[in-house]
N, C-alpha and C. Protein backbone atom coordinates (compact mmCIF):
# COMPACT_ATOMS: atom_id res chain seq x y z
N MET A 1 -38.20 7.45 3.54
CA MET A 1 -36.79 7.75 3.27
C MET A 1 -35.98 6.69 3.96
N ALA A 2 -34.93 6.19 3.30
CA ALA A 2 -34.15 5.10 3.83
C ALA A 2 -33.47 5.52 5.07
N ASP A 3 -33.34 4.57 6.04
CA ASP A 3 -32.69 4.86 7.31
C ASP A 3 -31.27 5.29 7.11
N ALA A 4 -30.57 4.64 6.07
CA ALA A 4 -29.16 5.01 5.83
C ALA A 4 -29.05 6.42 5.40
N GLN A 5 -30.07 7.01 4.83
CA GLN A 5 -29.95 8.40 4.35
C GLN A 5 -30.19 9.38 5.52
N ARG A 6 -31.01 9.05 6.46
CA ARG A 6 -31.38 9.92 7.53
C ARG A 6 -30.92 9.49 8.90
N HIS A 7 -29.90 8.60 8.91
CA HIS A 7 -29.39 8.09 10.19
C HIS A 7 -28.82 9.27 11.01
N VAL A 8 -29.24 9.36 12.26
CA VAL A 8 -28.76 10.37 13.15
C VAL A 8 -27.99 9.68 14.30
N ALA A 9 -26.71 9.95 14.35
CA ALA A 9 -25.94 9.26 15.40
C ALA A 9 -26.37 9.61 16.81
N ARG A 10 -26.34 8.66 17.66
CA ARG A 10 -26.61 8.92 19.10
C ARG A 10 -25.29 9.01 19.80
N PHE A 11 -25.28 9.74 20.88
CA PHE A 11 -24.07 10.03 21.56
C PHE A 11 -23.92 9.05 22.77
N THR A 12 -22.95 9.34 23.66
CA THR A 12 -22.55 8.41 24.67
C THR A 12 -23.68 7.83 25.47
N ASN A 13 -24.57 8.66 25.90
CA ASN A 13 -25.68 8.14 26.78
C ASN A 13 -27.01 8.05 25.99
N ASP A 14 -26.91 7.65 24.72
CA ASP A 14 -28.08 7.43 23.87
C ASP A 14 -28.82 8.71 23.58
N SER A 15 -28.13 9.87 23.72
CA SER A 15 -28.69 11.16 23.41
C SER A 15 -28.49 11.55 21.99
N ARG A 16 -29.47 12.19 21.37
CA ARG A 16 -29.32 12.76 20.06
C ARG A 16 -28.83 14.22 20.13
N ILE A 17 -28.74 14.78 21.30
CA ILE A 17 -28.42 16.21 21.41
C ILE A 17 -26.98 16.36 21.93
N PRO A 18 -26.04 16.93 21.11
CA PRO A 18 -24.71 17.14 21.63
C PRO A 18 -24.69 18.09 22.79
N GLY A 19 -23.82 17.80 23.77
CA GLY A 19 -23.75 18.65 24.96
C GLY A 19 -24.42 18.04 26.18
N TRP A 20 -25.24 16.96 25.93
CA TRP A 20 -25.86 16.26 27.05
C TRP A 20 -25.59 14.75 26.91
N ASP A 21 -24.31 14.44 26.57
CA ASP A 21 -24.01 13.04 26.40
C ASP A 21 -23.00 12.50 27.32
N ARG A 22 -22.64 13.32 28.35
CA ARG A 22 -21.70 12.84 29.38
C ARG A 22 -22.52 12.68 30.68
N ALA A 23 -22.00 11.85 31.53
CA ALA A 23 -22.71 11.58 32.81
C ALA A 23 -22.92 12.83 33.59
N ALA A 24 -21.97 13.74 33.59
CA ALA A 24 -22.07 15.01 34.29
C ALA A 24 -23.14 15.93 33.71
N ASP A 25 -23.56 15.68 32.46
CA ASP A 25 -24.47 16.53 31.82
C ASP A 25 -25.92 16.13 32.04
N LEU A 26 -26.15 14.94 32.56
CA LEU A 26 -27.49 14.41 32.64
C LEU A 26 -28.36 15.17 33.64
N ASP A 27 -27.74 15.86 34.55
CA ASP A 27 -28.57 16.54 35.58
C ASP A 27 -28.90 18.00 35.20
N LYS A 28 -28.31 18.49 34.11
CA LYS A 28 -28.49 19.91 33.76
C LYS A 28 -29.67 20.02 32.82
N GLU A 29 -30.34 21.15 32.83
CA GLU A 29 -31.52 21.38 31.98
C GLU A 29 -31.05 21.39 30.51
N PRO A 30 -31.80 20.68 29.65
CA PRO A 30 -31.39 20.60 28.29
C PRO A 30 -31.82 21.83 27.47
N ALA A 31 -31.50 23.03 28.02
CA ALA A 31 -31.81 24.25 27.28
C ALA A 31 -30.74 25.29 27.66
N VAL A 32 -29.48 24.82 27.63
CA VAL A 32 -28.42 25.66 28.10
C VAL A 32 -27.63 26.22 26.90
N VAL A 33 -27.51 27.51 26.83
CA VAL A 33 -26.74 28.18 25.82
C VAL A 33 -25.25 28.06 26.17
N PRO A 34 -24.43 27.54 25.23
CA PRO A 34 -23.00 27.47 25.53
C PRO A 34 -22.36 28.78 25.90
N GLU A 35 -21.43 28.77 26.78
CA GLU A 35 -20.78 30.02 27.22
C GLU A 35 -19.89 30.54 26.06
N ALA A 36 -20.25 31.79 25.65
CA ALA A 36 -19.48 32.37 24.54
C ALA A 36 -18.01 32.58 24.87
N ALA A 37 -17.74 32.88 26.14
CA ALA A 37 -16.38 33.18 26.55
C ALA A 37 -15.52 31.94 26.58
N THR A 38 -16.09 30.74 26.77
CA THR A 38 -15.28 29.59 26.94
C THR A 38 -15.41 28.60 25.75
N THR A 39 -16.29 28.94 24.78
CA THR A 39 -16.46 28.08 23.60
C THR A 39 -15.57 28.57 22.47
N GLU A 40 -14.58 27.76 22.06
CA GLU A 40 -13.66 28.15 21.01
C GLU A 40 -14.36 27.95 19.66
N VAL A 41 -14.38 29.01 18.84
CA VAL A 41 -15.02 28.95 17.55
C VAL A 41 -14.04 29.37 16.50
N PRO A 42 -13.79 28.55 15.41
CA PRO A 42 -12.90 28.98 14.37
C PRO A 42 -13.27 30.31 13.80
N ALA A 43 -12.30 31.17 13.52
CA ALA A 43 -12.58 32.53 13.09
C ALA A 43 -13.43 32.58 11.84
N GLU A 44 -13.16 31.67 10.87
CA GLU A 44 -13.96 31.75 9.64
C GLU A 44 -15.40 31.27 9.88
N LEU A 45 -15.55 30.33 10.80
CA LEU A 45 -16.95 29.92 11.11
C LEU A 45 -17.73 31.05 11.81
N ARG A 46 -17.04 31.69 12.77
CA ARG A 46 -17.66 32.79 13.49
C ARG A 46 -18.05 33.91 12.52
N ALA A 47 -17.18 34.24 11.61
CA ALA A 47 -17.46 35.29 10.65
C ALA A 47 -18.63 34.97 9.75
N ALA A 48 -18.72 33.67 9.33
CA ALA A 48 -19.83 33.24 8.47
C ALA A 48 -21.18 33.34 9.23
N ILE A 49 -21.17 32.91 10.49
CA ILE A 49 -22.42 32.93 11.23
C ILE A 49 -22.82 34.38 11.54
N GLU A 50 -21.85 35.20 11.90
CA GLU A 50 -22.21 36.61 12.19
C GLU A 50 -22.71 37.30 10.99
N ASP A 51 -22.16 36.98 9.81
CA ASP A 51 -22.72 37.51 8.58
C ASP A 51 -24.14 37.06 8.34
N ALA A 52 -24.38 35.80 8.66
CA ALA A 52 -25.76 35.24 8.50
C ALA A 52 -26.75 36.00 9.44
N VAL A 53 -26.30 36.34 10.63
CA VAL A 53 -27.14 37.06 11.53
C VAL A 53 -27.45 38.49 11.05
N ARG A 54 -26.42 39.08 10.44
CA ARG A 54 -26.67 40.44 9.86
C ARG A 54 -27.67 40.37 8.68
N ARG A 55 -27.60 39.31 7.87
CA ARG A 55 -28.51 39.21 6.77
C ARG A 55 -29.88 38.71 7.14
N PHE A 56 -29.97 37.93 8.19
CA PHE A 56 -31.22 37.38 8.63
C PHE A 56 -31.40 37.65 10.18
N PRO A 57 -31.73 38.87 10.52
CA PRO A 57 -31.74 39.26 11.93
C PRO A 57 -32.97 38.92 12.71
N VAL A 58 -34.00 38.46 12.05
CA VAL A 58 -35.30 38.30 12.76
C VAL A 58 -35.40 36.86 13.30
N GLY A 59 -35.67 36.76 14.62
CA GLY A 59 -35.83 35.45 15.29
C GLY A 59 -34.70 34.49 15.05
N ASP A 60 -35.05 33.30 14.63
CA ASP A 60 -34.05 32.26 14.43
C ASP A 60 -33.82 32.07 12.90
N SER A 61 -34.08 33.08 12.11
CA SER A 61 -33.91 32.95 10.67
C SER A 61 -32.50 32.70 10.17
N ALA A 62 -31.50 32.87 11.09
CA ALA A 62 -30.09 32.66 10.70
C ALA A 62 -29.70 31.20 10.97
N PHE A 63 -30.60 30.40 11.52
CA PHE A 63 -30.26 29.02 11.80
C PHE A 63 -29.74 28.21 10.58
N ILE A 64 -30.47 28.30 9.48
CA ILE A 64 -30.11 27.45 8.33
C ILE A 64 -28.81 27.91 7.75
N PRO A 65 -28.59 29.22 7.44
CA PRO A 65 -27.26 29.56 6.94
C PRO A 65 -26.11 29.30 7.96
N ALA A 66 -26.44 29.36 9.29
CA ALA A 66 -25.42 29.03 10.27
C ALA A 66 -25.08 27.54 10.16
N LEU A 67 -26.10 26.69 9.99
CA LEU A 67 -25.83 25.27 9.89
C LEU A 67 -25.07 24.95 8.60
N TYR A 68 -25.36 25.66 7.51
CA TYR A 68 -24.61 25.47 6.28
C TYR A 68 -23.15 25.82 6.56
N ALA A 69 -22.90 26.89 7.32
CA ALA A 69 -21.55 27.27 7.62
C ALA A 69 -20.81 26.19 8.42
N VAL A 70 -21.53 25.57 9.39
CA VAL A 70 -20.97 24.47 10.18
C VAL A 70 -20.60 23.30 9.21
N GLN A 71 -21.51 22.98 8.34
CA GLN A 71 -21.31 21.84 7.39
C GLN A 71 -20.15 22.11 6.50
N GLU A 72 -20.01 23.38 6.05
CA GLU A 72 -18.87 23.76 5.22
C GLU A 72 -17.56 23.67 5.93
N GLN A 73 -17.58 24.00 7.22
CA GLN A 73 -16.40 24.00 8.00
C GLN A 73 -15.88 22.58 8.29
N TYR A 74 -16.85 21.69 8.70
CA TYR A 74 -16.47 20.36 9.15
C TYR A 74 -16.81 19.22 8.18
N GLY A 75 -17.56 19.54 7.15
CA GLY A 75 -18.01 18.49 6.23
C GLY A 75 -19.38 17.85 6.69
N TRP A 76 -19.77 18.19 7.90
CA TRP A 76 -21.07 17.67 8.40
C TRP A 76 -21.43 18.54 9.63
N CYS A 77 -22.66 18.40 10.08
CA CYS A 77 -23.12 19.16 11.23
C CYS A 77 -22.67 18.40 12.48
N SER A 78 -21.41 18.53 12.81
CA SER A 78 -20.85 17.79 13.95
C SER A 78 -21.35 18.41 15.28
N PRO A 79 -21.34 17.59 16.34
CA PRO A 79 -21.73 18.15 17.65
C PRO A 79 -20.88 19.29 18.07
N GLU A 80 -19.58 19.24 17.78
CA GLU A 80 -18.73 20.38 18.09
C GLU A 80 -19.11 21.59 17.35
N GLY A 81 -19.37 21.47 16.02
CA GLY A 81 -19.77 22.62 15.19
C GLY A 81 -21.13 23.19 15.63
N ILE A 82 -22.05 22.34 15.98
CA ILE A 82 -23.36 22.85 16.43
C ILE A 82 -23.24 23.59 17.70
N GLU A 83 -22.42 23.12 18.60
CA GLU A 83 -22.24 23.83 19.88
C GLU A 83 -21.55 25.20 19.66
N GLN A 84 -20.59 25.21 18.70
CA GLN A 84 -19.95 26.50 18.41
C GLN A 84 -20.95 27.47 17.78
N ALA A 85 -21.78 26.99 16.85
CA ALA A 85 -22.77 27.89 16.25
C ALA A 85 -23.79 28.35 17.29
N ALA A 86 -24.15 27.48 18.17
CA ALA A 86 -25.06 27.84 19.28
C ALA A 86 -24.55 28.96 20.12
N SER A 87 -23.25 28.87 20.40
CA SER A 87 -22.60 29.91 21.27
C SER A 87 -22.67 31.27 20.58
N VAL A 88 -22.40 31.29 19.23
CA VAL A 88 -22.40 32.57 18.52
C VAL A 88 -23.82 33.13 18.38
N LEU A 89 -24.77 32.25 18.20
CA LEU A 89 -26.19 32.65 18.01
C LEU A 89 -26.89 32.88 19.35
N ALA A 90 -26.27 32.47 20.47
CA ALA A 90 -26.85 32.56 21.78
C ALA A 90 -28.16 31.80 21.80
N ARG A 91 -28.11 30.57 21.27
CA ARG A 91 -29.22 29.65 21.27
C ARG A 91 -28.70 28.27 21.77
N THR A 92 -29.62 27.40 22.02
CA THR A 92 -29.16 26.06 22.54
C THR A 92 -28.76 25.14 21.44
N PRO A 93 -27.81 24.24 21.64
CA PRO A 93 -27.49 23.24 20.68
C PRO A 93 -28.76 22.37 20.32
N ALA A 94 -29.62 22.21 21.30
CA ALA A 94 -30.86 21.40 21.00
C ALA A 94 -31.68 22.03 19.89
N ALA A 95 -31.84 23.35 19.96
CA ALA A 95 -32.62 24.08 18.93
C ALA A 95 -32.00 23.90 17.57
N LEU A 96 -30.67 24.04 17.47
CA LEU A 96 -30.01 23.90 16.19
C LEU A 96 -30.12 22.47 15.68
N THR A 97 -29.95 21.52 16.59
CA THR A 97 -29.99 20.11 16.18
C THR A 97 -31.41 19.75 15.68
N ALA A 98 -32.41 20.29 16.26
CA ALA A 98 -33.76 20.06 15.80
C ALA A 98 -33.95 20.48 14.35
N VAL A 99 -33.37 21.64 13.99
CA VAL A 99 -33.48 22.12 12.62
C VAL A 99 -32.60 21.27 11.69
N ALA A 100 -31.38 20.96 12.13
CA ALA A 100 -30.48 20.18 11.28
C ALA A 100 -31.01 18.78 10.99
N THR A 101 -31.68 18.15 11.93
CA THR A 101 -32.22 16.81 11.68
C THR A 101 -33.55 16.83 10.93
N PHE A 102 -34.16 17.96 10.83
CA PHE A 102 -35.42 18.06 10.07
C PHE A 102 -35.18 18.14 8.59
N TYR A 103 -34.14 18.90 8.18
CA TYR A 103 -33.89 19.15 6.75
C TYR A 103 -32.91 18.13 6.12
N ASP A 104 -33.32 17.66 4.96
CA ASP A 104 -32.59 16.60 4.32
C ASP A 104 -31.18 16.99 3.85
N MET A 105 -30.92 18.29 3.65
CA MET A 105 -29.65 18.73 3.13
C MET A 105 -28.56 18.83 4.12
N PHE A 106 -28.87 18.64 5.42
CA PHE A 106 -27.87 18.69 6.47
C PHE A 106 -27.42 17.27 6.78
N ARG A 107 -26.06 17.09 6.83
CA ARG A 107 -25.52 15.80 7.12
C ARG A 107 -25.22 15.68 8.61
N MET A 108 -25.71 14.59 9.24
CA MET A 108 -25.53 14.38 10.64
C MET A 108 -24.45 13.41 10.95
N GLU A 109 -23.71 13.03 9.99
CA GLU A 109 -22.54 12.10 10.18
C GLU A 109 -21.50 12.42 9.11
N PRO A 110 -20.24 12.08 9.33
CA PRO A 110 -19.22 12.45 8.35
C PRO A 110 -19.46 11.74 6.98
N LEU A 111 -19.39 12.51 5.94
CA LEU A 111 -19.54 11.98 4.61
C LEU A 111 -18.51 12.72 3.73
N GLY A 112 -18.47 12.36 2.45
CA GLY A 112 -17.56 13.02 1.53
C GLY A 112 -17.89 14.49 1.42
N ARG A 113 -16.87 15.32 1.31
CA ARG A 113 -17.05 16.74 1.20
C ARG A 113 -17.67 17.15 -0.20
N LYS A 114 -17.36 16.34 -1.17
CA LYS A 114 -17.94 16.64 -2.50
C LYS A 114 -19.28 15.93 -2.58
N THR A 115 -20.35 16.73 -2.69
CA THR A 115 -21.68 16.16 -2.64
C THR A 115 -22.35 16.21 -4.04
N VAL A 116 -23.00 15.10 -4.37
CA VAL A 116 -23.73 15.05 -5.60
C VAL A 116 -25.13 14.47 -5.26
N TYR A 117 -26.15 15.34 -5.45
CA TYR A 117 -27.51 14.93 -5.17
C TYR A 117 -28.24 14.91 -6.47
N VAL A 118 -28.75 13.79 -6.84
CA VAL A 118 -29.48 13.59 -8.12
C VAL A 118 -30.99 13.63 -7.77
N CYS A 119 -31.69 14.59 -8.35
CA CYS A 119 -33.14 14.73 -8.10
C CYS A 119 -33.84 13.49 -8.65
N THR A 120 -34.68 12.86 -7.80
CA THR A 120 -35.39 11.65 -8.23
C THR A 120 -36.95 11.81 -8.17
N ASN A 121 -37.42 13.08 -8.00
CA ASN A 121 -38.82 13.31 -8.03
C ASN A 121 -39.42 13.13 -9.41
N ILE A 122 -40.73 13.29 -9.52
CA ILE A 122 -41.45 12.79 -10.73
C ILE A 122 -40.97 13.37 -12.03
N SER A 123 -40.70 14.67 -12.07
CA SER A 123 -40.24 15.34 -13.32
C SER A 123 -38.93 14.76 -13.81
N CYS A 124 -37.99 14.72 -12.86
CA CYS A 124 -36.67 14.13 -13.24
C CYS A 124 -36.70 12.65 -13.48
N SER A 125 -37.56 11.95 -12.68
CA SER A 125 -37.68 10.52 -12.88
C SER A 125 -38.20 10.15 -14.24
N LEU A 126 -39.19 10.90 -14.75
CA LEU A 126 -39.72 10.68 -16.05
C LEU A 126 -38.70 10.98 -17.14
N CYS A 127 -37.73 11.82 -16.79
CA CYS A 127 -36.70 12.18 -17.82
C CYS A 127 -35.44 11.39 -17.68
N GLY A 128 -35.43 10.36 -16.84
CA GLY A 128 -34.28 9.47 -16.77
C GLY A 128 -33.38 9.63 -15.58
N ALA A 129 -33.93 10.15 -14.45
CA ALA A 129 -33.13 10.37 -13.26
C ALA A 129 -32.55 9.09 -12.68
N ASP A 130 -33.31 8.02 -12.74
CA ASP A 130 -32.81 6.80 -12.14
C ASP A 130 -31.57 6.26 -12.90
N GLU A 131 -31.67 6.37 -14.20
CA GLU A 131 -30.51 5.96 -15.07
C GLU A 131 -29.31 6.94 -14.83
N LEU A 132 -29.62 8.19 -14.63
CA LEU A 132 -28.52 9.15 -14.38
C LEU A 132 -27.82 8.84 -13.08
N LEU A 133 -28.63 8.58 -12.00
CA LEU A 133 -28.07 8.27 -10.73
C LEU A 133 -27.22 6.98 -10.79
N GLU A 134 -27.71 5.98 -11.47
CA GLU A 134 -26.96 4.72 -11.60
C GLU A 134 -25.61 4.97 -12.32
N ALA A 135 -25.65 5.81 -13.39
CA ALA A 135 -24.46 6.01 -14.15
C ALA A 135 -23.46 6.82 -13.36
N LEU A 136 -23.91 7.84 -12.60
CA LEU A 136 -23.01 8.60 -11.76
C LEU A 136 -22.42 7.74 -10.63
N GLU A 137 -23.24 6.87 -10.03
CA GLU A 137 -22.74 5.95 -8.99
C GLU A 137 -21.67 5.04 -9.60
N ALA A 138 -21.85 4.56 -10.82
CA ALA A 138 -20.91 3.70 -11.39
C ALA A 138 -19.59 4.41 -11.66
N GLU A 139 -19.68 5.70 -12.06
CA GLU A 139 -18.47 6.47 -12.35
C GLU A 139 -17.76 6.91 -11.08
N LEU A 140 -18.53 7.23 -10.00
CA LEU A 140 -17.97 7.81 -8.84
C LEU A 140 -17.87 6.85 -7.62
N GLY A 141 -18.25 5.63 -7.88
CA GLY A 141 -18.34 4.69 -6.72
C GLY A 141 -17.05 4.55 -5.93
N GLU A 142 -15.96 4.62 -6.55
CA GLU A 142 -14.68 4.46 -5.85
C GLU A 142 -13.95 5.78 -5.62
N ALA A 143 -14.55 6.85 -6.01
CA ALA A 143 -13.89 8.14 -5.87
C ALA A 143 -13.81 8.57 -4.40
N PRO A 144 -12.66 9.01 -3.93
CA PRO A 144 -12.53 9.42 -2.53
C PRO A 144 -13.22 10.72 -2.23
N ASP A 145 -13.75 10.87 -1.05
CA ASP A 145 -14.34 12.12 -0.58
C ASP A 145 -15.49 12.61 -1.44
N VAL A 146 -16.24 11.67 -2.08
CA VAL A 146 -17.43 12.03 -2.85
C VAL A 146 -18.62 11.30 -2.23
N HIS A 147 -19.66 12.06 -1.95
CA HIS A 147 -20.93 11.48 -1.40
C HIS A 147 -22.01 11.71 -2.45
N ILE A 148 -22.58 10.61 -2.97
CA ILE A 148 -23.62 10.71 -4.03
C ILE A 148 -24.85 9.94 -3.58
N ARG A 149 -26.00 10.55 -3.81
CA ARG A 149 -27.23 9.84 -3.56
C ARG A 149 -28.42 10.52 -4.25
N GLY A 150 -29.56 9.82 -4.29
CA GLY A 150 -30.80 10.43 -4.82
C GLY A 150 -31.34 11.41 -3.80
N PHE A 151 -32.05 12.41 -4.30
CA PHE A 151 -32.66 13.44 -3.48
C PHE A 151 -34.10 13.57 -3.90
N GLU A 152 -35.04 13.63 -2.98
CA GLU A 152 -36.46 13.55 -3.29
C GLU A 152 -36.91 14.66 -4.20
N CYS A 153 -36.48 15.91 -3.98
CA CYS A 153 -36.84 17.04 -4.83
C CYS A 153 -35.88 18.14 -4.64
N LEU A 154 -35.35 18.67 -5.76
CA LEU A 154 -34.48 19.82 -5.69
C LEU A 154 -35.14 21.07 -6.24
N GLY A 155 -36.39 20.98 -6.73
CA GLY A 155 -37.15 22.11 -7.16
C GLY A 155 -36.64 22.76 -8.45
N ALA A 156 -36.13 21.98 -9.37
CA ALA A 156 -35.67 22.54 -10.65
C ALA A 156 -36.20 21.73 -11.78
N CYS A 157 -37.47 21.53 -11.82
CA CYS A 157 -38.10 20.66 -12.83
C CYS A 157 -37.85 21.06 -14.27
N ASP A 158 -37.57 22.34 -14.49
CA ASP A 158 -37.34 22.83 -15.87
C ASP A 158 -36.03 22.40 -16.45
N ILE A 159 -35.14 21.90 -15.66
CA ILE A 159 -33.87 21.39 -16.19
C ILE A 159 -33.68 19.86 -15.90
N ALA A 160 -34.81 19.17 -15.82
CA ALA A 160 -34.74 17.73 -15.59
C ALA A 160 -34.12 16.98 -16.77
N PRO A 161 -33.40 15.87 -16.49
CA PRO A 161 -32.94 15.37 -15.14
C PRO A 161 -31.72 16.26 -14.73
N MET A 162 -31.68 16.50 -13.45
CA MET A 162 -30.67 17.42 -12.94
C MET A 162 -30.08 16.91 -11.64
N ALA A 163 -29.00 17.53 -11.23
CA ALA A 163 -28.33 17.24 -9.94
C ALA A 163 -27.74 18.49 -9.35
N SER A 164 -27.60 18.41 -8.06
CA SER A 164 -26.89 19.47 -7.32
C SER A 164 -25.49 18.95 -7.03
N VAL A 165 -24.49 19.66 -7.59
CA VAL A 165 -23.12 19.27 -7.47
C VAL A 165 -22.40 20.31 -6.59
N ASN A 166 -22.15 19.96 -5.30
CA ASN A 166 -21.62 20.92 -4.32
C ASN A 166 -22.44 22.17 -4.28
N GLY A 167 -23.78 22.02 -4.37
CA GLY A 167 -24.70 23.12 -4.26
C GLY A 167 -24.96 23.86 -5.54
N ILE A 168 -24.33 23.42 -6.66
CA ILE A 168 -24.57 24.04 -7.96
C ILE A 168 -25.54 23.19 -8.76
N TYR A 169 -26.62 23.79 -9.18
CA TYR A 169 -27.67 23.09 -9.94
C TYR A 169 -27.20 22.94 -11.37
N VAL A 170 -27.23 21.65 -11.84
CA VAL A 170 -26.75 21.36 -13.20
C VAL A 170 -27.78 20.54 -13.93
N GLY A 171 -28.10 20.91 -15.13
CA GLY A 171 -29.04 20.09 -15.89
C GLY A 171 -29.52 20.85 -17.12
N PRO A 172 -30.26 20.15 -18.00
CA PRO A 172 -30.41 18.71 -18.01
C PRO A 172 -29.12 17.99 -18.32
N ILE A 173 -28.92 16.84 -17.68
CA ILE A 173 -27.71 16.08 -17.82
C ILE A 173 -27.98 14.82 -18.63
N GLY A 174 -27.35 14.69 -19.78
CA GLY A 174 -27.47 13.51 -20.59
C GLY A 174 -26.52 12.39 -20.10
N LEU A 175 -26.85 11.20 -20.40
CA LEU A 175 -25.98 10.08 -19.92
C LEU A 175 -24.61 10.16 -20.62
N ASP A 176 -24.57 10.71 -21.81
CA ASP A 176 -23.28 10.83 -22.48
C ASP A 176 -22.37 11.93 -21.83
N GLN A 177 -22.92 12.70 -20.96
CA GLN A 177 -22.16 13.78 -20.23
C GLN A 177 -21.73 13.29 -18.90
N VAL A 178 -22.13 12.09 -18.47
CA VAL A 178 -21.75 11.63 -17.13
C VAL A 178 -20.24 11.46 -16.94
N PRO A 179 -19.51 10.84 -17.89
CA PRO A 179 -18.07 10.71 -17.69
C PRO A 179 -17.35 12.02 -17.47
N GLU A 180 -17.71 13.01 -18.34
CA GLU A 180 -17.11 14.34 -18.18
C GLU A 180 -17.46 14.96 -16.82
N LEU A 181 -18.75 14.83 -16.45
CA LEU A 181 -19.16 15.41 -15.15
C LEU A 181 -18.47 14.74 -14.00
N ALA A 182 -18.31 13.41 -14.06
CA ALA A 182 -17.64 12.68 -12.98
C ALA A 182 -16.17 13.11 -12.87
N ARG A 183 -15.52 13.26 -14.01
CA ARG A 183 -14.11 13.70 -13.96
C ARG A 183 -14.02 15.12 -13.34
N GLN A 184 -14.93 15.99 -13.72
CA GLN A 184 -14.90 17.35 -13.14
C GLN A 184 -15.13 17.30 -11.65
N ILE A 185 -16.06 16.47 -11.15
CA ILE A 185 -16.32 16.38 -9.71
C ILE A 185 -15.10 15.87 -8.96
N VAL A 186 -14.44 14.85 -9.41
CA VAL A 186 -13.29 14.35 -8.78
C VAL A 186 -12.12 15.34 -8.74
N ALA A 187 -11.96 16.08 -9.89
CA ALA A 187 -10.91 17.05 -9.96
C ALA A 187 -11.19 18.32 -9.26
N GLY A 188 -12.45 18.56 -8.81
CA GLY A 188 -12.83 19.77 -8.21
C GLY A 188 -13.02 20.89 -9.18
N ASP A 189 -13.26 20.57 -10.48
CA ASP A 189 -13.49 21.66 -11.51
C ASP A 189 -14.96 22.03 -11.55
N ASP A 190 -15.20 23.15 -12.23
CA ASP A 190 -16.55 23.67 -12.39
C ASP A 190 -17.37 22.60 -13.17
N PRO A 191 -18.55 22.14 -12.59
CA PRO A 191 -19.27 21.07 -13.23
C PRO A 191 -20.13 21.54 -14.45
N LEU A 192 -19.86 21.03 -15.63
CA LEU A 192 -20.62 21.28 -16.79
C LEU A 192 -21.13 22.75 -16.83
N PRO A 193 -20.21 23.69 -16.99
CA PRO A 193 -20.55 25.16 -16.93
C PRO A 193 -21.79 25.52 -17.79
N ALA A 194 -21.82 25.01 -18.98
CA ALA A 194 -22.91 25.34 -19.93
C ALA A 194 -24.26 24.85 -19.46
N LYS A 195 -24.28 23.90 -18.52
CA LYS A 195 -25.54 23.29 -18.01
C LYS A 195 -25.93 23.88 -16.65
N GLN A 196 -25.21 24.79 -16.10
CA GLN A 196 -25.51 25.27 -14.76
C GLN A 196 -26.66 26.25 -14.80
N LEU A 197 -27.63 26.05 -13.88
CA LEU A 197 -28.82 26.85 -13.87
C LEU A 197 -28.53 28.33 -13.60
N ILE A 198 -27.55 28.58 -12.72
CA ILE A 198 -27.23 29.94 -12.38
C ILE A 198 -26.62 30.73 -13.58
N LYS A 199 -26.11 30.04 -14.60
CA LYS A 199 -25.49 30.67 -15.71
C LYS A 199 -26.37 30.74 -16.94
N ARG A 200 -27.61 30.30 -16.81
CA ARG A 200 -28.52 30.37 -17.94
C ARG A 200 -28.93 31.76 -18.17
N PRO A 201 -29.16 32.19 -19.44
CA PRO A 201 -29.60 33.55 -19.68
C PRO A 201 -31.00 33.77 -19.23
N CYS A 202 -31.31 34.89 -18.69
CA CYS A 202 -32.65 35.19 -18.18
C CYS A 202 -33.62 35.44 -19.31
N ALA A 203 -34.82 34.92 -19.25
CA ALA A 203 -35.83 35.09 -20.31
C ALA A 203 -36.34 36.48 -20.33
N ASP A 204 -36.29 37.20 -19.19
CA ASP A 204 -36.85 38.51 -19.10
C ASP A 204 -35.71 39.55 -19.12
N PRO A 205 -35.54 40.28 -20.19
CA PRO A 205 -34.42 41.24 -20.28
C PRO A 205 -34.37 42.28 -19.18
N LYS A 206 -35.57 42.67 -18.66
CA LYS A 206 -35.65 43.65 -17.54
C LYS A 206 -35.02 43.10 -16.30
N VAL A 207 -35.26 41.82 -16.07
CA VAL A 207 -34.70 41.16 -14.86
C VAL A 207 -33.20 40.98 -15.07
N ALA A 208 -32.79 40.63 -16.29
CA ALA A 208 -31.34 40.44 -16.58
C ALA A 208 -30.53 41.69 -16.37
N GLU A 209 -31.15 42.86 -16.57
CA GLU A 209 -30.43 44.10 -16.43
C GLU A 209 -30.19 44.44 -14.96
N LYS A 210 -30.93 43.84 -14.06
CA LYS A 210 -30.81 44.22 -12.60
C LYS A 210 -29.52 43.65 -12.01
């Protein structure tokens, strides 16, 4: 994977872990839970993380939705956001950072808030994913606040070639649909509604009734 895609910023003292990047921090054990009473957390972020804990109460299973909440709040998994999440979860920033840097969908540096991930794995590649990525890059290259790149696998081979647009799976996407999709992305509109995986009719009527 290209370094540019997985670059993880280092902090003041060459640390990858937020909270241990000041000279005064170098002597403390790197396993300190932020003080809940003194760590300011935006109300909407706290509510999202507490909801994740209610839905995923076992062990550290709330880590991933909590990190998604941080990314939604700040546009990336910022050191400040990770520390805030750690205080709500009563875990260390180091533990959350380890998870955030492992998974490809978490951004460890500021990027555009509108994300477009084009699946480039074998099924999508054989169906024209490379051409789709190039076409979208050409259309969106100068668009503000848009981050577009290839993604190794999005797990939706049945709608190849496809892309995740702000978390919405869309496909199959024809090259003739790229200008319309790009316009919708820039405008913040619903991307190709008829092509969204979540809106496809279910093949099993019993499941569809649930």
